[in-house]
Amino acid sequence: MITLQHTPIKSQSDKVKEHMLAGNTIDTWQAYKLYKITCLAQRIYDLKKAGLSIPSKIITRNGKTFSIYWIEVENDSSPATDHNNTIEGVSNPDREVAINDK
């Protein structure tokens, strides 16, 4: 007899939440590259509606404007530090800019 293991499928909101709870920021490009999420703003809205404190920072680089998001750490409104400034191998140079611009 074969026993199938059920692996729960995570929602897009769950993926974004876990990503940020790990101390990472996220932007639209990363959401698409890592999780194939095409509407990050809606997922952020859903998470905020569920009670999470998710600040954002608007970044302009090379004439392009976008937002980065993170989960606010208690007693700290800046993104949690990520020692190598990467997210699962995807470089995020704007994260350092956002932290320093704060």
C-alpha atoms as a PDB file:
ATOM      1  CA  MET A   1       0.000   0.000   0.000  1.00  0.00           C
ATOM      2  CA  ILE A   2       1.314   3.417  -0.945  1.00  0.00           C
ATOM      3  CA  THR A   3       0.836   6.234   1.532  1.00  0.00           C
ATOM      4  CA  LEU A   4       0.719   9.681   0.035  1.00  0.00           C
ATOM      5  CA  GLN A   5       2.082  12.509   2.087  1.00  0.00           C
ATOM      6  CA  HIS A   6       0.093  15.693   1.964  1.00  0.00           C
ATOM      7  CA  THR A   7       2.275  18.759   1.644  1.00  0.00           C
ATOM      8  CA  PRO A   8       0.266  21.859   2.472  1.00  0.00           C
ATOM      9  CA  ILE A   9       0.309  24.469  -0.258  1.00  0.00           C
ATOM     10  CA  LYS A  10       1.250  27.908   1.035  1.00  0.00           C
ATOM     11  CA  SER A  11      -0.704  30.923  -0.094  1.00  0.00           C
ATOM     12  CA  GLN A  12       1.104  33.845  -1.686  1.00  0.00           C
ATOM     13  CA  SER A  13       0.477  35.877   1.463  1.00  0.00           C
ATOM     14  CA  ASP A  14       2.026  33.110   3.579  1.00  0.00           C
ATOM     15  CA  LYS A  15       5.124  33.079   1.369  1.00  0.00           C
ATOM     16  CA  VAL A  16       5.547  36.861   1.617  1.00  0.00           C
ATOM     17  CA  LYS A  17       4.962  36.803   5.375  1.00  0.00           C
ATOM     18  CA  GLU A  18       7.526  34.025   5.945  1.00  0.00           C
ATOM     19  CA  HIS A  19      10.028  35.833   3.730  1.00  0.00           C
ATOM     20  CA  MET A  20       9.743  39.032   5.758  1.00  0.00           C
ATOM     21  CA  LEU A  21       9.627  37.239   9.126  1.00  0.00           C
ATOM     22  CA  ALA A  22      13.008  35.763   8.199  1.00  0.00           C
ATOM     23  CA  GLY A  23      14.366  39.324   8.380  1.00  0.00           C
ATOM     24  CA  ASN A  24      14.249  40.102   4.669  1.00  0.00           C
ATOM     25  CA  THR A  25      12.768  42.997   2.764  1.00  0.00           C
ATOM     26  CA  ILE A  26      10.812  42.338  -0.408  1.00  0.00           C
ATOM     27  CA  ASP A  27       9.965  44.310  -3.511  1.00  0.00           C
ATOM     28  CA  THR A  28       7.842  43.549  -6.560  1.00  0.00           C
ATOM     29  CA  TRP A  29      10.718  42.157  -8.624  1.00  0.00           C
ATOM     30  CA  GLN A  30      11.861  39.811  -5.844  1.00  0.00           C
ATOM     31  CA  ALA A  31       8.286  38.666  -5.219  1.00  0.00           C
ATOM     32  CA  TYR A  32       8.019  37.704  -8.871  1.00  0.00           C
ATOM     33  CA  LYS A  33      11.485  36.139  -9.188  1.00  0.00           C
ATOM     34  CA  LEU A  34      11.257  34.108  -5.981  1.00  0.00           C
ATOM     35  CA  TYR A  35       7.564  33.253  -5.721  1.00  0.00           C
ATOM     36  CA  LYS A  36       5.958  34.166  -9.080  1.00  0.00           C
ATOM     37  CA  ILE A  37       3.778  36.732  -7.281  1.00  0.00           C
ATOM     38  CA  THR A  38       2.639  39.402  -9.741  1.00  0.00           C
ATOM     39  CA  CYS A  39       0.656  41.637  -7.375  1.00  0.00           C
ATOM     40  CA  LEU A  40       2.774  42.124  -4.250  1.00  0.00           C
ATOM     41  CA  ALA A  41       0.848  45.257  -3.212  1.00  0.00           C
ATOM     42  CA  GLN A  42      -2.337  43.195  -2.804  1.00  0.00           C
ATOM     43  CA  ARG A  43      -0.540  40.570  -0.689  1.00  0.00           C
ATOM     44  CA  ILE A  44       0.899  43.364   1.503  1.00  0.00           C
ATOM     45  CA  TYR A  45      -2.599  44.840   1.848  1.00  0.00           C
ATOM     46  CA  ASP A  46      -3.959  41.433   2.898  1.00  0.00           C
ATOM     47  CA  LEU A  47      -1.213  41.014   5.512  1.00  0.00           C
ATOM     48  CA  LYS A  48      -1.784  44.514   6.895  1.00  0.00           C
ATOM     49  CA  LYS A  49      -5.517  43.821   7.069  1.00  0.00           C
ATOM     50  CA  ALA A  50      -4.666  40.684   9.078  1.00  0.00           C
ATOM     51  CA  GLY A  51      -2.912  42.905  11.631  1.00  0.00           C
ATOM     52  CA  LEU A  52       0.766  42.883  10.657  1.00  0.00           C
ATOM     53  CA  SER A  53       2.762  46.103  10.827  1.00  0.00           C
ATOM     54  CA  ILE A  54       4.442  46.371   7.423  1.00  0.00           C
ATOM     55  CA  PRO A  55       6.171  49.667   6.682  1.00  0.00           C
ATOM     56  CA  SER A  56       7.445  50.510   3.224  1.00  0.00           C
ATOM     57  CA  LYS A  57      10.049  52.717   1.648  1.00  0.00           C
ATOM     58  CA  ILE A  58       9.851  54.207  -1.847  1.00  0.00           C
ATOM     59  CA  ILE A  59      13.115  53.824  -3.750  1.00  0.00           C
ATOM     60  CA  THR A  60      14.127  55.473  -7.020  1.00  0.00           C
ATOM     61  CA  ARG A  61      17.037  53.928  -8.863  1.00  0.00           C
ATOM     62  CA  ASN A  62      17.997  54.344 -12.528  1.00  0.00           C
ATOM     63  CA  GLY A  63      14.795  56.296 -13.139  1.00  0.00           C
ATOM     64  CA  LYS A  64      12.605  53.487 -11.777  1.00  0.00           C
ATOM     65  CA  THR A  65      10.482  53.943  -8.660  1.00  0.00           C
ATOM     66  CA  PHE A  66       9.363  51.016  -6.518  1.00  0.00           C
ATOM     67  CA  SER A  67       8.579  50.162  -2.903  1.00  0.00           C
ATOM     68  CA  ILE A  68      10.262  47.763  -0.540  1.00  0.00           C
ATOM     69  CA  TYR A  69       8.402  46.230   2.385  1.00  0.00           C
ATOM     70  CA  TRP A  70       9.410  44.597   5.652  1.00  0.00           C
ATOM     71  CA  ILE A  71       7.789  43.437   8.859  1.00  0.00           C
ATOM     72  CA  GLU A  72       8.431  45.857  11.659  1.00  0.00           C
ATOM     73  CA  VAL A  73      10.441  44.344  14.493  1.00  0.00           C
ATOM     74  CA  GLU A  74       9.210  45.221  17.989  1.00  0.00           C
ATOM     75  CA  ASN A  75      10.753  48.542  19.175  1.00  0.00           C
ATOM     76  CA  ASP A  76      12.425  48.992  15.778  1.00  0.00           C
ATOM     77  CA  SER A  77      10.898  50.414  12.607  1.00  0.00           C
ATOM     78  CA  SER A  78      13.783  49.450  10.334  1.00  0.00           C
ATOM     79  CA  PRO A  79      14.137  46.196   8.424  1.00  0.00           C
ATOM     80  CA  ALA A  80      15.843  43.386  10.267  1.00  0.00           C
ATOM     81  CA  THR A  81      19.456  43.054   9.227  1.00  0.00           C
ATOM     82  CA  ASP A  82      20.494  40.475   6.689  1.00  0.00           C
ATOM     83  CA  HIS A  83      24.226  39.944   7.020  1.00  0.00           C
ATOM     84  CA  ASN A  84      24.963  39.197   3.379  1.00  0.00           C
ATOM     85  CA  ASN A  85      22.346  41.578   1.919  1.00  0.00           C
ATOM     86  CA  THR A  86      20.902  38.864  -0.301  1.00  0.00           C
ATOM     87  CA  ILE A  87      17.642  37.016  -0.390  1.00  0.00           C
ATOM     88  CA  GLU A  88      18.016  33.379  -1.371  1.00  0.00           C
ATOM     89  CA  GLY A  89      20.807  34.248  -3.758  1.00  0.00           C
ATOM     90  CA  VAL A  90      19.070  37.284  -5.268  1.00  0.00           C
ATOM     91  CA  SER A  91      21.123  40.417  -4.695  1.00  0.00           C
ATOM     92  CA  ASN A  92      19.236  43.325  -3.184  1.00  0.00           C
ATOM     93  CA  PRO A  93      21.388  46.481  -3.335  1.00  0.00           C
ATOM     94  CA  ASP A  94      18.334  48.693  -2.737  1.00  0.00           C
ATOM     95  CA  ARG A  95      17.876  47.264   0.729  1.00  0.00           C
ATOM     96  CA  GLU A  96      21.033  48.960   1.971  1.00  0.00           C
ATOM     97  CA  VAL A  97      19.903  52.194   0.320  1.00  0.00           C
ATOM     98  CA  ALA A  98      16.527  51.960   2.071  1.00  0.00           C
ATOM     99  CA  ILE A  99      18.081  51.333   5.470  1.00  0.00           C
ATOM    100  CA  ASN A 100      20.530  54.203   5.078  1.00  0.00           C
ATOM    101  CA  ASP A 101      17.873  56.602   3.729  1.00  0.00           C
ATOM    102  CA  LYS A 102      15.612  56.076   6.727  1.00  0.00           C
END
